[in-house]
Protein backbone atom coordinates (compact mmCIF):
# COMPACT_ATOMS: atom_id res chain seq x y z
CA MET A 1 -13.58 -9.78 10.47
CA LYS A 2 -16.28 -7.45 12.05
CA ARG A 3 -16.07 -3.52 12.45
CA ILE A 4 -18.73 -0.97 13.40
CA LEU A 5 -18.01 2.54 12.25
CA THR A 6 -19.97 5.42 13.93
CA TYR A 7 -20.33 8.82 12.72
CA TYR A 8 -22.08 11.83 14.33
CA ILE A 9 -23.84 14.19 11.71
CA THR A 10 -23.12 17.80 11.88
CA ASN A 11 -24.35 20.76 9.88
CA ALA A 12 -21.37 20.51 7.69
CA ASP A 13 -22.65 17.24 6.48
CA THR A 14 -26.01 18.22 5.58
CA PRO A 15 -27.94 18.09 3.24
CA LEU A 16 -26.82 14.76 2.28
CA THR A 17 -28.41 10.93 2.03
CA VAL A 18 -26.62 8.15 3.82
CA LYS A 19 -24.87 7.14 0.47
CA GLY A 20 -23.89 10.82 -0.25
CA PHE A 21 -22.40 11.15 3.38
CA LEU A 22 -20.52 7.72 3.20
CA LYS A 23 -19.05 8.61 -0.31
CA ARG A 24 -17.66 11.70 1.14
CA GLN A 25 -16.06 9.62 3.73
CA GLY A 26 -14.32 7.84 1.02
CA PHE A 27 -16.61 4.64 0.70
CA SER A 28 -16.30 3.30 -2.88
CA SER A 29 -19.29 2.42 -5.14
CA ARG A 30 -18.24 -1.43 -4.48
CA ASN A 31 -18.41 -0.98 -0.74
CA LEU A 32 -21.99 0.72 -0.95
CA ILE A 33 -23.05 -2.23 -2.99
CA ASP A 34 -21.60 -4.86 -0.63
CA LEU A 35 -23.09 -3.04 2.44
CA LYS A 36 -26.47 -3.50 0.96
CA LYS A 37 -26.19 -7.00 1.01
CA LEU A 38 -25.27 -7.45 4.63
CA PRO A 39 -28.21 -7.51 7.16
CA ASP A 40 -28.56 -4.47 9.58
CA SER A 41 -25.41 -2.86 8.03
CA ILE A 42 -26.67 0.65 8.01
CA ARG A 43 -28.59 2.14 11.08
CA LEU A 44 -29.62 5.72 11.44
CA ASN A 45 -30.32 6.59 15.14
CA GLY A 46 -30.50 2.98 15.92
CA GLN A 47 -33.09 2.20 13.22
CA ASN A 48 -32.20 0.11 10.00
CA ALA A 49 -31.87 2.87 7.13
CA TYR A 50 -31.79 2.69 3.37
CA MET A 51 -28.89 4.51 1.54
CA ASN A 52 -31.37 7.23 0.24
CA ALA A 53 -32.40 8.15 3.59
CA LYS A 54 -31.74 11.93 4.64
CA ILE A 55 -29.42 12.83 7.36
CA SER A 56 -29.78 15.57 9.78
CA PRO A 57 -27.50 17.45 12.20
CA GLY A 58 -27.34 15.32 15.77
CA ASP A 59 -27.96 11.90 13.78
CA GLU A 60 -26.02 8.90 14.58
CA LEU A 61 -25.03 6.82 11.90
CA THR A 62 -23.52 3.43 12.17
CA VAL A 63 -21.93 1.18 9.47
CA SER A 64 -21.53 -2.47 10.44
CA ILE A 65 -18.88 -4.34 8.46
CA CYS A 66 -19.08 -8.19 8.81
CA GLU A 67 -16.77 -10.50 6.67
CA GLU A 68 -17.03 -13.87 7.75
CA GLU A 69 -15.00 -15.56 4.91
CA SER A 70 -11.29 -15.96 4.68
CA SER A 71 -8.94 -15.81 1.63
CA GLU A 72 -9.28 -18.95 -0.21
CA LYS A 73 -6.12 -20.86 -1.15
CA ILE A 74 -3.80 -19.18 1.53
CA VAL A 75 -2.58 -21.97 3.83
CA PRO A 76 -1.74 -20.55 7.44
CA VAL A 77 1.85 -20.95 8.11
CA GLU A 78 3.59 -19.99 11.34
CA LEU A 79 6.16 -17.29 10.04
CA PRO A 80 7.85 -14.29 12.20
CA LEU A 81 5.85 -11.20 11.55
CA ASP A 82 7.32 -7.67 12.38
CA ILE A 83 4.01 -5.87 13.23
CA ILE A 84 5.14 -2.18 13.48
CA TYR A 85 1.31 -1.03 14.05
CA GLU A 86 -2.24 -2.70 14.25
CA ASP A 87 -5.62 -1.37 14.85
CA GLU A 88 -9.22 -2.44 13.81
CA ASP A 89 -8.76 -1.02 10.40
CA LEU A 90 -5.25 -1.71 9.09
CA MET A 91 -1.67 -3.19 9.99
CA VAL A 92 1.72 -2.00 9.06
CA ILE A 93 4.36 -4.70 8.59
CA ASN A 94 8.15 -4.55 8.24
CA LYS A 95 8.52 -7.33 5.80
CA PRO A 96 11.83 -9.05 5.32
CA ALA A 97 13.69 -9.57 2.02
CA GLY A 98 12.96 -12.89 0.63
CA MET A 99 9.29 -12.87 1.66
CA PRO A 100 6.92 -12.78 -1.18
CA ILE A 101 3.67 -10.74 -0.64
CA HIS A 102 1.36 -13.32 -2.23
CA PRO A 103 1.61 -17.32 -2.44
CA SER A 104 2.64 -18.40 -5.89
CA MET A 105 3.71 -21.72 -7.80
CA ASN A 106 7.42 -21.58 -6.11
CA HIS A 107 6.19 -19.86 -2.91
CA TYR A 108 3.22 -21.59 -1.78
CA ASP A 109 3.76 -21.41 1.79
CA ASN A 110 6.27 -18.69 2.56
CA SER A 111 4.56 -15.44 1.80
CA LEU A 112 3.32 -12.69 3.94
CA ALA A 113 -0.27 -13.92 3.29
CA ASN A 114 0.60 -17.05 4.82
CA ALA A 115 1.96 -15.58 7.98
CA LEU A 116 -1.11 -13.41 8.44
CA ALA A 117 -3.41 -16.20 7.71
CA TRP A 118 -1.87 -17.95 10.77
CA TYR A 119 -1.95 -14.65 12.81
CA PHE A 120 -5.50 -14.51 12.67
CA ALA A 121 -6.25 -18.08 12.52
CA LYS A 122 -4.83 -18.20 16.05
CA GLN A 123 -7.39 -15.58 17.17
CA ASN A 124 -10.20 -17.45 15.56
CA LYS A 125 -10.86 -14.83 13.35
CA PRO A 126 -11.69 -14.62 9.59
CA PHE A 127 -9.40 -12.50 7.43
CA ILE A 128 -9.23 -11.52 3.78
CA PHE A 129 -5.64 -10.75 2.70
CA ARG A 130 -5.65 -7.11 1.42
CA CYS A 131 -2.27 -5.77 0.75
CA VAL A 132 -2.19 -2.11 -0.16
CA ASN A 133 1.28 -1.20 -1.32
CA ARG A 134 2.63 -4.65 -2.56
CA LEU A 135 6.49 -4.79 -2.31
CA ASP A 136 8.60 -7.17 -4.43
CA LYS A 137 9.84 -10.37 -2.80
CA ASP A 138 13.31 -9.30 -2.16
CA THR A 139 12.32 -5.70 -1.18
CA SER A 140 12.13 -5.22 2.56
CA GLY A 141 10.46 -2.75 4.63
CA LEU A 142 6.85 -1.25 5.48
CA THR A 143 3.80 -2.25 3.85
CA ILE A 144 0.21 -1.78 4.67
CA ILE A 145 -2.38 -4.43 5.28
CA ALA A 146 -6.17 -3.38 5.17
CA LYS A 147 -8.37 -5.34 7.45
CA HIS A 148 -11.85 -4.92 6.07
CA MET A 149 -13.32 -4.04 2.86
CA VAL A 150 -13.79 -0.22 3.50
CA SER A 151 -10.30 0.61 4.76
CA ALA A 152 -8.90 -1.40 1.77
CA GLY A 153 -10.94 0.51 -0.65
CA ILE A 154 -10.02 3.96 0.81
CA LEU A 155 -6.29 3.12 1.24
CA SER A 156 -6.04 1.77 -2.41
CA THR A 157 -7.42 5.06 -3.65
CA MET A 158 -4.94 6.99 -1.63
CA VAL A 159 -2.13 4.76 -3.11
CA ALA A 160 -3.22 5.76 -6.53
CA ALA A 161 -3.71 9.42 -5.72
CA LYS A 162 -1.54 12.26 -6.61
CA GLY A 163 -1.61 15.62 -5.12
CA THR A 164 -3.09 17.05 -8.19
CA ASP A 165 -6.17 14.84 -8.65
CA THR A 166 -9.45 16.11 -8.69
CA PRO A 167 -11.94 13.95 -6.56
CA PRO A 168 -14.98 12.85 -8.02
CA SER A 169 -18.10 14.90 -7.36
CA GLY A 170 -19.50 14.56 -3.70
CA THR A 171 -16.19 12.96 -2.37
CA GLN A 172 -13.32 14.10 -0.57
CA CYS A 173 -10.01 14.46 -2.08
CA PRO A 174 -7.80 11.61 -1.43
CA THR A 175 -4.48 12.37 0.35
CA PRO A 176 -1.64 10.53 -1.37
CA ILE A 177 0.19 7.98 0.63
CA LEU A 178 3.84 9.18 0.84
CA ARG A 179 6.23 6.14 0.31
CA GLU A 180 9.82 6.81 0.77
CA TYR A 181 12.22 4.09 -0.25
CA LEU A 182 16.13 3.88 0.47
CA ALA A 183 18.20 2.44 -2.36
CA ILE A 184 22.00 1.74 -2.91
CA VAL A 185 23.65 2.16 -6.31
CA ARG A 186 27.30 1.87 -7.19
CA GLY A 187 29.25 5.08 -7.72
CA LYS A 188 28.42 8.45 -7.30
CA VAL A 189 24.96 9.61 -8.84
CA ASN A 190 25.14 12.72 -11.01
CA PRO A 191 23.08 14.73 -10.54
CA GLU A 192 22.85 14.01 -6.91
CA ALA A 193 19.19 14.51 -7.13
CA GLY A 194 16.38 14.76 -9.67
CA THR A 195 12.99 13.55 -11.14
CA ILE A 196 12.67 10.64 -13.47
CA ASN A 197 9.49 11.00 -15.71
CA ALA A 198 9.54 7.98 -18.12
CA PRO A 199 6.58 5.72 -18.93
CA ILE A 200 7.21 1.91 -18.36
CA ALA A 201 5.71 -1.16 -20.01
CA ARG A 202 6.22 -4.80 -20.01
CA LYS A 203 9.31 -5.76 -21.87
CA GLU A 204 8.46 -7.63 -25.35
CA GLY A 205 8.95 -11.39 -24.96
CA SER A 206 9.09 -11.24 -21.00
CA VAL A 207 6.45 -12.04 -18.48
CA LEU A 208 8.27 -10.39 -15.61
CA GLU A 209 10.67 -7.82 -16.70
CA ARG A 210 9.62 -4.15 -17.46
CA THR A 211 11.62 -1.33 -19.43
CA VAL A 212 11.16 2.26 -20.30
CA ASP A 213 8.76 2.69 -23.21
CA PHE A 214 7.91 5.99 -24.53
CA VAL A 215 5.36 4.40 -26.90
CA LYS A 216 3.34 1.91 -24.93
CA GLY A 217 4.49 2.64 -21.55
CA GLU A 218 2.23 3.87 -18.74
CA ASN A 219 2.98 7.20 -16.97
CA ALA A 220 5.60 6.66 -14.28
CA ILE A 221 7.42 9.45 -11.92
CA THR A 222 10.02 8.85 -9.41
CA HIS A 223 11.80 11.50 -7.30
CA TYR A 224 15.28 10.75 -5.82
CA ARG A 225 17.94 12.45 -3.94
CA THR A 226 21.37 11.36 -2.56
CA VAL A 227 21.68 10.85 1.20
CA SER A 228 25.19 9.66 1.37
CA ASN A 229 28.19 8.41 -0.49
CA LYS A 230 30.27 5.70 1.37
CA ASN A 231 32.56 2.91 0.50
CA GLY A 232 32.14 3.45 -3.44
CA TYR A 233 28.35 3.45 -3.26
CA SER A 234 25.36 5.73 -2.86
CA LEU A 235 22.56 5.81 -0.71
CA LEU A 236 19.32 7.17 -2.27
CA SER A 237 16.25 8.32 -0.79
CA ILE A 238 13.44 7.69 -3.46
CA THR A 239 10.00 8.54 -3.52
CA LEU A 240 7.13 7.44 -5.94
CA GLU A 241 4.31 9.76 -7.61
CA THR A 242 3.10 6.47 -9.39
CA GLY A 243 3.25 2.65 -8.46
CA ARG A 244 4.52 0.67 -11.51
CA THR A 245 5.71 -2.61 -11.46
CA HIS A 246 9.36 -2.57 -10.66
CA GLN A 247 9.14 1.17 -11.27
CA ILE A 248 12.34 2.15 -8.86
CA ARG A 249 14.49 -0.78 -10.45
CA VAL A 250 13.69 0.21 -13.91
CA HIS A 251 13.88 3.86 -13.69
CA MET A 252 17.34 3.70 -11.73
CA LYS A 253 18.61 1.64 -14.49
CA TYR A 254 17.21 3.96 -17.18
CA LEU A 255 19.20 6.81 -15.31
CA GLY A 256 22.44 4.59 -15.48
CA TYR A 257 22.69 3.84 -11.86
CA PRO A 258 20.70 0.25 -11.39
CA LEU A 259 20.44 -1.04 -7.89
CA ILE A 260 23.06 -3.45 -6.57
CA GLY A 261 22.13 -6.96 -6.11
CA ASP A 262 19.25 -6.79 -8.70
CA TYR A 263 19.11 -10.20 -10.23
CA LEU A 264 16.84 -9.14 -13.13
CA TYR A 265 17.94 -5.63 -14.07
CA ASN A 266 21.80 -5.49 -12.79
CA PRO A 267 22.95 -9.07 -11.27
CA ASP A 268 25.73 -7.32 -9.51
CA THR A 269 25.80 -9.52 -6.40
CA GLU A 270 29.31 -9.06 -5.25
CA ILE A 271 28.39 -7.50 -1.96
CA ILE A 272 24.61 -8.04 -1.69
CA SER A 273 22.52 -10.80 -2.83
CA ARG A 274 19.16 -9.21 -3.43
CA GLN A 275 18.16 -5.55 -4.67
CA ALA A 276 19.17 -3.07 -2.24
CA LEU A 277 15.89 -1.60 -1.97
CA HIS A 278 13.95 -0.86 1.40
CA SER A 279 10.61 0.59 1.95
CA HIS A 280 11.73 3.08 4.83
CA ARG A 281 8.82 5.46 5.61
CA LEU A 282 5.08 5.61 5.18
CA SER A 283 3.09 8.71 5.75
CA PHE A 284 -0.57 8.70 5.27
CA VAL A 285 -3.98 9.88 6.81
CA HIS A 286 -5.56 6.98 8.62
CA PRO A 287 -8.64 5.88 6.32
CA ILE A 288 -11.31 5.86 8.98
CA THR A 289 -10.16 8.29 11.99
CA HIS A 290 -8.41 10.66 9.62
CA LYS A 291 -5.41 11.08 11.88
CA PRO A 292 -1.86 11.45 10.43
CA MET A 293 0.00 8.23 10.62
CA ASN A 294 3.96 8.15 10.28
CA PHE A 295 6.01 5.09 10.29
CA THR A 296 9.71 4.39 9.56
CA ALA A 297 11.78 1.12 9.40
CA SER A 298 15.52 1.19 9.81
CA LEU A 299 17.81 0.01 6.87
CA PRO A 300 18.31 -3.54 7.31
CA PRO A 301 21.64 -5.38 8.17
CA ASP A 302 22.51 -6.30 4.83
CA MET A 303 21.92 -2.71 3.36
CA GLN A 304 23.95 -1.38 6.21
CA PHE A 305 26.96 -3.60 5.53
CA VAL A 306 27.36 -2.19 2.16
CA LEU A 307 27.75 1.22 3.37
């Protein structure tokens, strides 16, 4: 994957070195180390430059990203892809339920990674699979794919960020990615809206299952509100401050309203055969252009049927 980023230096950007400027743009320390290894990756006014070079107003700084290797052990497989958006830096995919993000022992050739490997192989482009907001296999909806190492680093920082975070010295404060999910539970939720602040840890004796654990758990915060009550079920809008494994599924069970269809935490499969959870909305600032990005994916048919 090849990408050239061009920056025009203004008075507001000085006095800084190339390294300081790029860190302010969100480049990680790992990004800077990797760029040093690439020939001609940093050019200032058309000339090769070191990271410690001083920049001045009116300068043109270009960063050349060249990744020629592809992810190993990901077999290209022709599978349907619902691409909501794509540019040189990222993709937004509407993933169907039942499709895992990564290949695994039992899902060697039917993952999103396999589908994207095929997509880029058709274009004769190398591609390293970098999924930013991973979804469980049976969770449907929007997920972000970074197309190169710099967008991946910035987006990952944004996923981990909270509005109260203080940025490291010399960097911009990362704007959190707003992730809104739609979920269905049985009955009427009481209270209709609220915040669940309960740490989550791996359940003892289980490789997969998680549980609320106030001793060993990691901080986890989930906000929810009721959207509608229909047919004996509640449709909930859920947003996350943190991104723990199975966070929504564990927190809703802890509240007393587990998601229907959830084989692991609530095998209530009377009306739906997978957890009724859908990544509905993603809002974030583009990692390179800094433009606001907003995407939605409608409720899939199986969840619509429940209501």
